[in-house]
Structures are given as C-alpha cells and as structure tokens.
C-alpha cells in the first residue's frame, strides 16, 4: 500500500506550487462558466478528503465497503468555501491529503486487497464498481486519487496527473 500513499503524496506535491501561485482573485473565478469557483472546487476536494478519510479508516475494521454518501453541493455551499482565504484552503487540502497518504501507507496489504463482495462503490466511487462485483479497499483508494486528479486538472490547466502521466 505504500505505493498508493506515495501516489497521493506525489499528486499533492505536484499541485501545491501551482495552487499557491494562483492569486486569491483568480481562485474566486469559476473554473468554467456556470461552475464552482476554484475555491469551491478545492473546498469540494477538502470535503472529499474528509469523507474518504473516515471511509478508509473504517474499512480497516469492517468486512464490507458500505459507506454513507454526502450532498456535495450543499456541503460546499454550507461551508462557504467561496469566502475562505485561498491560502487557508490550500493548507487544509494539502495537510489532510498528506494525512490520508499516511493512512494508506498504514493499511496492511491483506486488508487493502481483500475482495469485498458487499459494497456501495456503484454509488459513491468516482469510477464505480458494479454492485454485483467484489471490490477492494485498494481500488477505492486509487479511485480517490483519480477523483482528486480529475478536479486538479479542472483547477490547474497545466496539471499533469501522477496516475495517468498526462493532463487530467
């Protein structure tokens, strides 16, 4: 599992200088017309980190991968990410993900790769797994990184993903 944690650290390390180079004014702008602002999008990634951190820890002590979802739009709106200082959002996002990388590293390989027939990754994963197919925690962790990189590609046009080796 150290490789998965390292992938996340690499993604965070690659994106952080690009994020910090962006001004607060630029971060207030939507990443595309009619979309969340860049601040809100990074806030969404903080929410994703918050929810998935709990999921990854709980999965260590569970035989399934069944977790509650969350209302993404309402979470972003309620937490007023659009009004937060850009530098604070970057710091929060960075440190939360570096902590998640430590959780990934601490996950025993047998726990990470155990096939779990009962899951709801058909509903909560970024790249879903059919409900009738088993899933692993490692898959879910890698899916988390894919989701993170997808949104980093929206935030940062020059971001090149560590999982894909190309612009995301």
N, C-alpha and C. Protein backbone atom coordinates (compact mmCIF):
# COMPACT_ATOMS: atom_id res chain seq x y z
N UNK A 1 0.82 -1.21 0.00
CA UNK A 1 0.00 0.00 0.00
C UNK A 1 0.86 1.27 0.00
N UNK A 2 2.14 1.12 0.27
CA UNK A 2 2.97 2.33 0.27
C UNK A 2 2.92 3.02 -1.08
N UNK A 3 2.82 2.27 -2.15
CA UNK A 3 2.76 2.88 -3.48
C UNK A 3 1.54 3.78 -3.62
N UNK A 4 0.40 3.40 -3.10
CA UNK A 4 -0.80 4.23 -3.22
C UNK A 4 -0.61 5.51 -2.42
N UNK A 5 -0.09 5.39 -1.21
CA UNK A 5 0.18 6.59 -0.42
C UNK A 5 1.17 7.50 -1.12
N UNK A 6 2.17 6.93 -1.74
CA UNK A 6 3.16 7.74 -2.46
C UNK A 6 2.54 8.43 -3.67
N UNK A 7 1.63 7.76 -4.36
CA UNK A 7 0.94 8.40 -5.47
C UNK A 7 0.18 9.64 -5.00
N UNK A 8 -0.48 9.52 -3.86
CA UNK A 8 -1.22 10.67 -3.34
C UNK A 8 -0.25 11.79 -2.95
N UNK A 9 0.83 11.45 -2.25
CA UNK A 9 1.82 12.47 -1.90
C UNK A 9 2.38 13.15 -3.15
N UNK A 10 2.66 12.37 -4.18
CA UNK A 10 3.19 12.94 -5.43
C UNK A 10 2.19 13.91 -6.06
N UNK A 11 0.91 13.53 -6.07
CA UNK A 11 -0.12 14.42 -6.63
C UNK A 11 -0.20 15.72 -5.84
N UNK A 12 -0.18 15.62 -4.52
CA UNK A 12 -0.24 16.81 -3.66
C UNK A 12 1.00 17.68 -3.88
N UNK A 13 2.16 17.05 -3.91
CA UNK A 13 3.40 17.80 -4.10
C UNK A 13 3.46 18.47 -5.47
N UNK A 14 2.91 17.83 -6.46
CA UNK A 14 2.91 18.40 -7.81
C UNK A 14 1.95 19.58 -7.90
N UNK A 15 0.80 19.48 -7.26
CA UNK A 15 -0.23 20.51 -7.38
C UNK A 15 -0.01 21.71 -6.47
N UNK A 16 0.59 21.50 -5.31
CA UNK A 16 0.69 22.58 -4.32
C UNK A 16 1.36 23.85 -4.87
N UNK A 17 2.52 23.77 -5.52
CA UNK A 17 3.11 25.02 -6.03
C UNK A 17 2.23 25.72 -7.06
N UNK A 18 1.51 24.95 -7.85
CA UNK A 18 0.61 25.55 -8.84
C UNK A 18 -0.55 26.25 -8.16
N UNK A 19 -1.07 25.62 -7.11
CA UNK A 19 -2.17 26.23 -6.37
C UNK A 19 -1.71 27.51 -5.68
N UNK A 20 -0.55 27.46 -5.05
CA UNK A 20 -0.07 28.64 -4.32
C UNK A 20 0.32 29.78 -5.27
N UNK A 21 0.62 29.46 -6.51
CA UNK A 21 0.93 30.51 -7.48
C UNK A 21 -0.32 31.25 -7.94
N UNK A 22 -1.48 30.68 -7.71
CA UNK A 22 -2.74 31.30 -8.12
C UNK A 22 -3.14 32.37 -7.09
N UNK A 23 -3.53 33.51 -7.56
CA UNK A 23 -3.95 34.58 -6.65
C UNK A 23 -5.33 34.29 -6.07
N UNK A 24 -5.62 34.94 -4.96
CA UNK A 24 -6.93 34.81 -4.34
C UNK A 24 -8.02 35.28 -5.31
N UNK A 25 -7.74 36.35 -6.06
CA UNK A 25 -8.71 36.84 -7.05
C UNK A 25 -8.99 35.80 -8.12
N UNK A 26 -7.93 35.16 -8.61
CA UNK A 26 -8.12 34.13 -9.63
C UNK A 26 -8.90 32.94 -9.06
N UNK A 27 -8.66 32.63 -7.81
CA UNK A 27 -9.35 31.50 -7.17
C UNK A 27 -10.83 31.78 -6.95
N UNK A 28 -11.22 33.05 -6.97
CA UNK A 28 -12.64 33.42 -6.82
C UNK A 28 -13.44 33.18 -8.10
N UNK A 29 -12.73 33.01 -9.22
CA UNK A 29 -13.39 32.85 -10.51
C UNK A 29 -13.82 31.39 -10.72
N UNK A 30 -14.95 31.19 -11.38
CA UNK A 30 -15.34 29.81 -11.71
C UNK A 30 -14.29 29.17 -12.62
N UNK A 31 -14.11 27.88 -12.47
CA UNK A 31 -13.12 27.20 -13.30
C UNK A 31 -13.62 27.08 -14.74
N UNK A 32 -14.94 27.14 -14.93
CA UNK A 32 -15.55 27.27 -16.25
C UNK A 32 -16.90 27.95 -16.04
N UNK A 33 -17.46 28.46 -17.09
CA UNK A 33 -18.71 29.21 -16.99
C UNK A 33 -19.81 28.36 -16.35
N UNK A 34 -20.46 28.93 -15.35
CA UNK A 34 -21.57 28.26 -14.67
C UNK A 34 -21.15 27.21 -13.66
N UNK A 35 -19.85 27.09 -13.40
CA UNK A 35 -19.35 26.05 -12.49
C UNK A 35 -18.94 26.67 -11.16
N UNK A 36 -18.55 25.80 -10.23
CA UNK A 36 -17.99 26.26 -8.97
C UNK A 36 -16.79 27.16 -9.22
N UNK A 37 -16.52 28.05 -8.26
CA UNK A 37 -15.27 28.80 -8.31
C UNK A 37 -14.13 27.82 -7.99
N UNK A 38 -12.92 28.25 -8.25
CA UNK A 38 -11.77 27.41 -7.91
C UNK A 38 -11.71 27.17 -6.40
N UNK A 39 -12.08 28.18 -5.61
CA UNK A 39 -12.12 27.99 -4.16
C UNK A 39 -13.14 26.91 -3.79
N UNK A 40 -14.30 26.97 -4.39
CA UNK A 40 -15.33 25.97 -4.10
C UNK A 40 -14.89 24.58 -4.56
N UNK A 41 -14.22 24.51 -5.69
CA UNK A 41 -13.75 23.23 -6.18
C UNK A 41 -12.69 22.64 -5.25
N UNK A 42 -11.77 23.46 -4.76
CA UNK A 42 -10.79 22.96 -3.80
C UNK A 42 -11.49 22.60 -2.49
N UNK A 43 -12.51 23.38 -2.11
CA UNK A 43 -13.31 23.02 -0.93
C UNK A 43 -13.99 21.67 -1.11
N UNK A 44 -14.48 21.41 -2.30
CA UNK A 44 -15.06 20.09 -2.59
C UNK A 44 -14.02 18.99 -2.37
N UNK A 45 -12.77 19.25 -2.76
CA UNK A 45 -11.72 18.26 -2.53
C UNK A 45 -11.41 18.10 -1.04
N UNK A 46 -11.57 19.14 -0.27
CA UNK A 46 -11.44 19.02 1.19
C UNK A 46 -12.57 18.13 1.73
N UNK A 47 -13.79 18.36 1.25
CA UNK A 47 -14.92 17.53 1.67
C UNK A 47 -14.72 16.08 1.28
N UNK A 48 -14.20 15.86 0.09
CA UNK A 48 -13.90 14.50 -0.37
C UNK A 48 -12.87 13.86 0.55
N UNK A 49 -11.85 14.63 0.90
CA UNK A 49 -10.83 14.12 1.83
C UNK A 49 -11.45 13.76 3.17
N UNK A 50 -12.30 14.63 3.68
CA UNK A 50 -12.94 14.39 4.97
C UNK A 50 -13.77 13.11 4.96
N UNK A 51 -14.60 12.97 3.95
CA UNK A 51 -15.45 11.79 3.86
C UNK A 51 -14.65 10.51 3.62
N UNK A 52 -13.68 10.58 2.74
CA UNK A 52 -12.92 9.37 2.40
C UNK A 52 -11.93 8.99 3.47
N UNK A 53 -11.39 9.94 4.20
CA UNK A 53 -10.53 9.60 5.33
C UNK A 53 -11.29 8.67 6.27
N UNK A 54 -12.49 9.07 6.66
CA UNK A 54 -13.30 8.23 7.54
C UNK A 54 -13.60 6.87 6.93
N UNK A 55 -13.89 6.85 5.67
CA UNK A 55 -14.18 5.58 4.99
C UNK A 55 -12.95 4.67 5.00
N UNK A 56 -11.78 5.23 4.70
CA UNK A 56 -10.56 4.41 4.64
C UNK A 56 -10.20 3.85 6.02
N UNK A 57 -10.40 4.64 7.05
CA UNK A 57 -10.12 4.15 8.42
C UNK A 57 -11.14 3.09 8.81
N UNK A 58 -12.43 3.35 8.60
CA UNK A 58 -13.47 2.37 8.96
C UNK A 58 -13.29 1.05 8.23
N UNK A 59 -12.83 1.12 6.99
CA UNK A 59 -12.66 -0.10 6.19
C UNK A 59 -11.61 -1.03 6.79
N UNK A 60 -10.72 -0.50 7.61
CA UNK A 60 -9.70 -1.33 8.26
C UNK A 60 -10.34 -2.36 9.20
N UNK A 61 -11.52 -2.02 9.71
CA UNK A 61 -12.16 -2.82 10.76
C UNK A 61 -13.51 -3.37 10.32
N UNK A 62 -13.72 -3.46 9.03
CA UNK A 62 -15.01 -3.88 8.51
C UNK A 62 -14.82 -4.94 7.43
N UNK A 63 -15.83 -5.76 7.25
CA UNK A 63 -15.78 -6.78 6.21
C UNK A 63 -16.38 -6.28 4.90
N UNK A 64 -16.95 -5.07 4.90
CA UNK A 64 -17.55 -4.55 3.69
C UNK A 64 -16.99 -3.16 3.36
N UNK A 65 -17.45 -2.63 2.27
CA UNK A 65 -17.11 -1.26 1.86
C UNK A 65 -18.40 -0.49 1.61
N UNK A 66 -19.23 -0.42 2.63
CA UNK A 66 -20.50 0.29 2.54
C UNK A 66 -20.40 1.52 3.41
N UNK A 67 -20.56 2.70 2.78
CA UNK A 67 -20.40 3.96 3.48
C UNK A 67 -21.49 4.94 3.07
N UNK A 68 -21.81 5.88 3.95
CA UNK A 68 -22.78 6.90 3.55
C UNK A 68 -22.19 7.84 2.51
N UNK A 69 -23.05 8.38 1.69
CA UNK A 69 -22.65 9.42 0.75
C UNK A 69 -22.79 10.77 1.42
N UNK A 70 -22.71 11.82 0.64
CA UNK A 70 -22.94 13.16 1.16
C UNK A 70 -23.40 14.07 0.02
N UNK A 71 -24.10 15.13 0.38
CA UNK A 71 -24.65 16.05 -0.60
C UNK A 71 -23.60 17.10 -0.94
N UNK A 72 -22.86 16.86 -2.00
CA UNK A 72 -21.69 17.68 -2.34
C UNK A 72 -22.02 19.16 -2.50
N UNK A 73 -23.06 19.47 -3.23
CA UNK A 73 -23.42 20.88 -3.46
C UNK A 73 -23.74 21.58 -2.14
N UNK A 74 -24.51 20.92 -1.31
CA UNK A 74 -24.89 21.53 -0.03
C UNK A 74 -23.70 21.68 0.91
N UNK A 75 -22.79 20.71 0.89
CA UNK A 75 -21.60 20.81 1.73
C UNK A 75 -20.77 22.02 1.33
N UNK A 76 -20.56 22.19 0.02
CA UNK A 76 -19.76 23.32 -0.46
C UNK A 76 -20.44 24.64 -0.11
N UNK A 77 -21.73 24.71 -0.34
CA UNK A 77 -22.47 25.95 -0.04
C UNK A 77 -22.44 26.27 1.45
N UNK A 78 -22.72 25.28 2.30
CA UNK A 78 -22.82 25.50 3.73
C UNK A 78 -21.50 25.96 4.34
N UNK A 79 -20.39 25.47 3.83
CA UNK A 79 -19.09 25.78 4.41
C UNK A 79 -18.48 27.07 3.86
N UNK A 80 -19.15 27.68 2.91
CA UNK A 80 -18.76 29.00 2.38
C UNK A 80 -17.29 29.04 1.93
N UNK A 81 -16.92 28.02 1.19
CA UNK A 81 -15.55 27.98 0.67
C UNK A 81 -15.24 29.19 -0.21
N UNK A 82 -16.24 29.72 -0.88
CA UNK A 82 -16.02 30.88 -1.75
C UNK A 82 -15.51 32.09 -0.97
N UNK A 83 -15.78 32.13 0.33
CA UNK A 83 -15.37 33.25 1.17
C UNK A 83 -14.09 32.98 1.96
N UNK A 84 -13.56 31.78 1.86
CA UNK A 84 -12.37 31.41 2.64
C UNK A 84 -11.10 31.95 1.99
N UNK A 85 -10.09 32.25 2.80
CA UNK A 85 -8.81 32.64 2.21
C UNK A 85 -8.21 31.48 1.41
N UNK A 86 -7.76 31.78 0.21
CA UNK A 86 -7.21 30.77 -0.69
C UNK A 86 -6.06 30.01 -0.03
N UNK A 87 -5.17 30.74 0.63
CA UNK A 87 -4.00 30.09 1.25
C UNK A 87 -4.44 29.11 2.35
N UNK A 88 -5.51 29.42 3.06
CA UNK A 88 -6.01 28.51 4.10
C UNK A 88 -6.59 27.25 3.49
N UNK A 89 -7.33 27.40 2.40
CA UNK A 89 -7.89 26.22 1.72
C UNK A 89 -6.78 25.31 1.20
N UNK A 90 -5.75 25.91 0.63
CA UNK A 90 -4.63 25.11 0.12
C UNK A 90 -3.98 24.34 1.26
N UNK A 91 -3.72 25.01 2.36
CA UNK A 91 -3.06 24.36 3.51
C UNK A 91 -3.91 23.22 4.05
N UNK A 92 -5.21 23.47 4.20
CA UNK A 92 -6.12 22.44 4.70
C UNK A 92 -6.14 21.24 3.77
N UNK A 93 -6.31 21.50 2.47
CA UNK A 93 -6.34 20.42 1.49
C UNK A 93 -5.03 19.62 1.50
N UNK A 94 -3.92 20.32 1.52
CA UNK A 94 -2.61 19.67 1.48
C UNK A 94 -2.40 18.77 2.69
N UNK A 95 -2.57 19.31 3.88
CA UNK A 95 -2.30 18.54 5.10
C UNK A 95 -3.27 17.38 5.27
N UNK A 96 -4.53 17.59 4.91
CA UNK A 96 -5.50 16.49 5.02
C UNK A 96 -5.09 15.34 4.11
N UNK A 97 -4.67 15.65 2.89
CA UNK A 97 -4.28 14.60 1.96
C UNK A 97 -2.97 13.93 2.34
N UNK A 98 -2.05 14.67 2.92
CA UNK A 98 -0.82 14.03 3.39
C UNK A 98 -1.13 13.08 4.54
N UNK A 99 -2.12 13.42 5.36
CA UNK A 99 -2.54 12.51 6.42
C UNK A 99 -3.19 11.26 5.81
N UNK A 100 -4.04 11.44 4.82
CA UNK A 100 -4.66 10.29 4.15
C UNK A 100 -3.59 9.38 3.54
N UNK A 101 -2.53 9.96 3.00
CA UNK A 101 -1.43 9.15 2.45
C UNK A 101 -0.81 8.29 3.55
N UNK A 102 -0.70 8.83 4.77
CA UNK A 102 -0.18 8.03 5.89
C UNK A 102 -1.14 6.89 6.22
N UNK A 103 -2.44 7.15 6.16
CA UNK A 103 -3.43 6.08 6.39
C UNK A 103 -3.28 5.01 5.32
N UNK A 104 -3.10 5.42 4.09
CA UNK A 104 -2.91 4.45 3.00
C UNK A 104 -1.66 3.61 3.26
N UNK A 105 -0.58 4.26 3.66
CA UNK A 105 0.66 3.54 3.94
C UNK A 105 0.50 2.56 5.09
N UNK A 106 -0.33 2.89 6.07
CA UNK A 106 -0.50 2.06 7.26
C UNK A 106 -1.46 0.89 7.03
N UNK A 107 -2.13 0.88 5.89
CA UNK A 107 -3.10 -0.18 5.60
C UNK A 107 -2.36 -1.48 5.25
N UNK A 108 -2.58 -2.54 6.02
CA UNK A 108 -1.91 -3.81 5.70
C UNK A 108 -2.33 -4.30 4.30
N UNK A 109 -1.40 -4.88 3.55
CA UNK A 109 -1.73 -5.34 2.20
C UNK A 109 -2.92 -6.29 2.14
N UNK A 110 -3.03 -7.19 3.13
CA UNK A 110 -4.16 -8.13 3.08
C UNK A 110 -5.49 -7.42 3.28
N UNK A 111 -5.52 -6.34 4.02
CA UNK A 111 -6.75 -5.55 4.20
C UNK A 111 -7.06 -4.78 2.92
N UNK A 112 -6.02 -4.24 2.31
CA UNK A 112 -6.20 -3.43 1.09
C UNK A 112 -6.70 -4.26 -0.09
N UNK A 113 -6.23 -5.48 -0.20
CA UNK A 113 -6.53 -6.29 -1.38
C UNK A 113 -7.63 -7.31 -1.16
N UNK A 114 -8.16 -7.39 0.05
CA UNK A 114 -9.24 -8.35 0.33
C UNK A 114 -10.46 -8.03 -0.54
N UNK A 115 -10.94 -9.03 -1.25
CA UNK A 115 -12.15 -8.88 -2.06
C UNK A 115 -13.36 -8.74 -1.13
N UNK A 116 -14.11 -7.71 -1.35
CA UNK A 116 -15.29 -7.47 -0.51
C UNK A 116 -16.54 -7.47 -1.40
N UNK A 117 -17.31 -8.56 -1.28
CA UNK A 117 -18.48 -8.68 -2.14
C UNK A 117 -19.55 -7.63 -1.83
N UNK A 118 -19.60 -7.18 -0.57
CA UNK A 118 -20.62 -6.19 -0.18
C UNK A 118 -19.98 -4.80 -0.16
N UNK A 119 -20.51 -3.92 -1.00
CA UNK A 119 -20.01 -2.55 -1.10
C UNK A 119 -21.07 -1.68 -1.74
N UNK A 120 -20.84 -0.38 -1.69
CA UNK A 120 -21.70 0.54 -2.44
C UNK A 120 -20.86 1.46 -3.33
N UNK A 121 -19.79 0.92 -3.86
CA UNK A 121 -18.94 1.69 -4.77
C UNK A 121 -19.62 1.96 -6.10
N UNK A 122 -20.73 1.29 -6.34
CA UNK A 122 -21.53 1.61 -7.51
C UNK A 122 -22.21 2.96 -7.35
N UNK A 123 -22.30 3.44 -6.10
CA UNK A 123 -22.96 4.71 -5.79
C UNK A 123 -21.96 5.79 -5.40
N UNK A 124 -20.96 5.47 -4.58
CA UNK A 124 -20.11 6.52 -4.02
C UNK A 124 -18.74 6.67 -4.67
N UNK A 125 -18.30 5.71 -5.46
CA UNK A 125 -16.98 5.82 -6.08
C UNK A 125 -17.04 6.76 -7.28
N UNK A 126 -15.91 7.36 -7.60
CA UNK A 126 -15.83 8.22 -8.78
C UNK A 126 -15.96 7.36 -10.04
N UNK A 127 -15.18 6.28 -10.12
CA UNK A 127 -15.30 5.29 -11.19
C UNK A 127 -15.93 4.05 -10.54
N UNK A 128 -17.21 3.92 -10.72
CA UNK A 128 -17.99 2.94 -9.96
C UNK A 128 -17.60 1.49 -10.26
N UNK A 129 -17.93 0.64 -9.31
CA UNK A 129 -17.79 -0.81 -9.44
C UNK A 129 -19.22 -1.36 -9.36
N UNK A 130 -19.57 -2.22 -10.28
CA UNK A 130 -20.92 -2.79 -10.28
C UNK A 130 -21.22 -3.46 -8.94
N UNK A 131 -22.43 -3.30 -8.48
CA UNK A 131 -22.83 -3.82 -7.18
C UNK A 131 -22.66 -5.33 -7.07
N UNK A 132 -22.75 -6.04 -8.19
CA UNK A 132 -22.63 -7.50 -8.16
C UNK A 132 -21.19 -7.99 -8.33
N UNK A 133 -20.22 -7.07 -8.37
CA UNK A 133 -18.81 -7.43 -8.48
C UNK A 133 -18.11 -7.08 -7.17
N UNK A 134 -17.16 -7.90 -6.72
CA UNK A 134 -16.44 -7.55 -5.49
C UNK A 134 -15.51 -6.34 -5.74
N UNK A 135 -15.17 -5.68 -4.65
CA UNK A 135 -14.28 -4.52 -4.73
C UNK A 135 -13.26 -4.61 -3.61
N UNK A 136 -12.17 -3.86 -3.76
CA UNK A 136 -11.14 -3.83 -2.73
C UNK A 136 -10.96 -2.40 -2.22
N UNK A 137 -10.43 -2.31 -1.03
CA UNK A 137 -10.11 -1.01 -0.46
C UNK A 137 -9.03 -0.33 -1.31
N UNK A 138 -8.07 -1.10 -1.80
CA UNK A 138 -7.04 -0.50 -2.64
C UNK A 138 -7.65 0.16 -3.87
N UNK A 139 -8.62 -0.51 -4.50
CA UNK A 139 -9.29 0.09 -5.65
C UNK A 139 -9.93 1.42 -5.24
N UNK A 140 -10.61 1.42 -4.11
CA UNK A 140 -11.30 2.62 -3.65
C UNK A 140 -10.30 3.75 -3.35
N UNK A 141 -9.16 3.41 -2.79
CA UNK A 141 -8.13 4.42 -2.53
C UNK A 141 -7.57 4.98 -3.83
N UNK A 142 -7.33 4.13 -4.79
CA UNK A 142 -6.85 4.60 -6.09
C UNK A 142 -7.91 5.44 -6.79
N UNK A 143 -9.17 5.07 -6.64
CA UNK A 143 -10.27 5.85 -7.19
C UNK A 143 -10.30 7.25 -6.58
N UNK A 144 -10.03 7.33 -5.30
CA UNK A 144 -9.96 8.63 -4.62
C UNK A 144 -8.90 9.52 -5.27
N UNK A 145 -7.74 8.95 -5.54
CA UNK A 145 -6.66 9.72 -6.17
C UNK A 145 -7.06 10.14 -7.59
N UNK A 146 -7.73 9.25 -8.31
CA UNK A 146 -8.21 9.60 -9.65
C UNK A 146 -9.19 10.76 -9.61
N UNK A 147 -10.09 10.74 -8.65
CA UNK A 147 -11.05 11.84 -8.48
C UNK A 147 -10.34 13.13 -8.16
N UNK A 148 -9.38 13.07 -7.25
CA UNK A 148 -8.61 14.25 -6.87
C UNK A 148 -7.90 14.82 -8.10
N UNK A 149 -7.26 13.96 -8.87
CA UNK A 149 -6.52 14.44 -10.04
C UNK A 149 -7.46 14.97 -11.13
N UNK A 150 -8.62 14.38 -11.25
CA UNK A 150 -9.61 14.89 -12.20
C UNK A 150 -9.92 16.36 -11.89
N UNK A 151 -10.18 16.65 -10.63
CA UNK A 151 -10.51 18.02 -10.25
C UNK A 151 -9.28 18.94 -10.27
N UNK A 152 -8.11 18.42 -9.97
CA UNK A 152 -6.90 19.25 -10.10
C UNK A 152 -6.71 19.67 -11.55
N UNK A 153 -7.06 18.80 -12.48
CA UNK A 153 -6.99 19.14 -13.90
C UNK A 153 -7.96 20.25 -14.28
N UNK A 154 -9.10 20.33 -13.58
CA UNK A 154 -10.03 21.42 -13.82
C UNK A 154 -9.51 22.73 -13.22
N UNK A 155 -8.94 22.62 -12.03
CA UNK A 155 -8.40 23.79 -11.33
C UNK A 155 -7.16 24.35 -12.01
N UNK A 156 -6.32 23.45 -12.48
CA UNK A 156 -4.97 23.81 -12.96
C UNK A 156 -4.78 23.27 -14.37
N UNK A 157 -4.97 24.09 -15.39
CA UNK A 157 -4.88 23.60 -16.77
C UNK A 157 -3.55 22.93 -17.11
N UNK A 158 -2.47 23.29 -16.40
CA UNK A 158 -1.16 22.70 -16.68
C UNK A 158 -0.84 21.49 -15.81
N UNK A 159 -1.79 21.07 -14.99
CA UNK A 159 -1.53 19.93 -14.10
C UNK A 159 -1.43 18.65 -14.92
N UNK A 160 -0.37 17.90 -14.66
CA UNK A 160 -0.19 16.58 -15.30
C UNK A 160 -0.33 15.54 -14.21
N UNK A 161 -1.26 14.63 -14.37
CA UNK A 161 -1.56 13.64 -13.36
C UNK A 161 -0.44 12.65 -13.10
N UNK A 162 -0.28 12.27 -11.84
CA UNK A 162 0.72 11.26 -11.50
C UNK A 162 0.22 9.86 -11.81
N UNK A 163 -1.09 9.69 -11.84
CA UNK A 163 -1.63 8.36 -12.13
C UNK A 163 -1.73 8.11 -13.61
N UNK A 164 -1.90 9.17 -14.40
CA UNK A 164 -2.08 8.98 -15.83
C UNK A 164 -0.87 9.41 -16.64
N UNK A 165 -0.04 10.30 -16.07
CA UNK A 165 1.11 10.82 -16.80
C UNK A 165 0.73 11.80 -17.88
N UNK A 166 -0.51 12.31 -17.85
CA UNK A 166 -0.96 13.28 -18.84
C UNK A 166 -1.85 14.30 -18.16
N UNK A 167 -2.21 15.30 -18.89
CA UNK A 167 -3.13 16.30 -18.33
C UNK A 167 -4.44 15.62 -18.02
N UNK A 168 -4.96 15.94 -16.84
CA UNK A 168 -6.19 15.28 -16.41
C UNK A 168 -7.41 16.08 -16.77
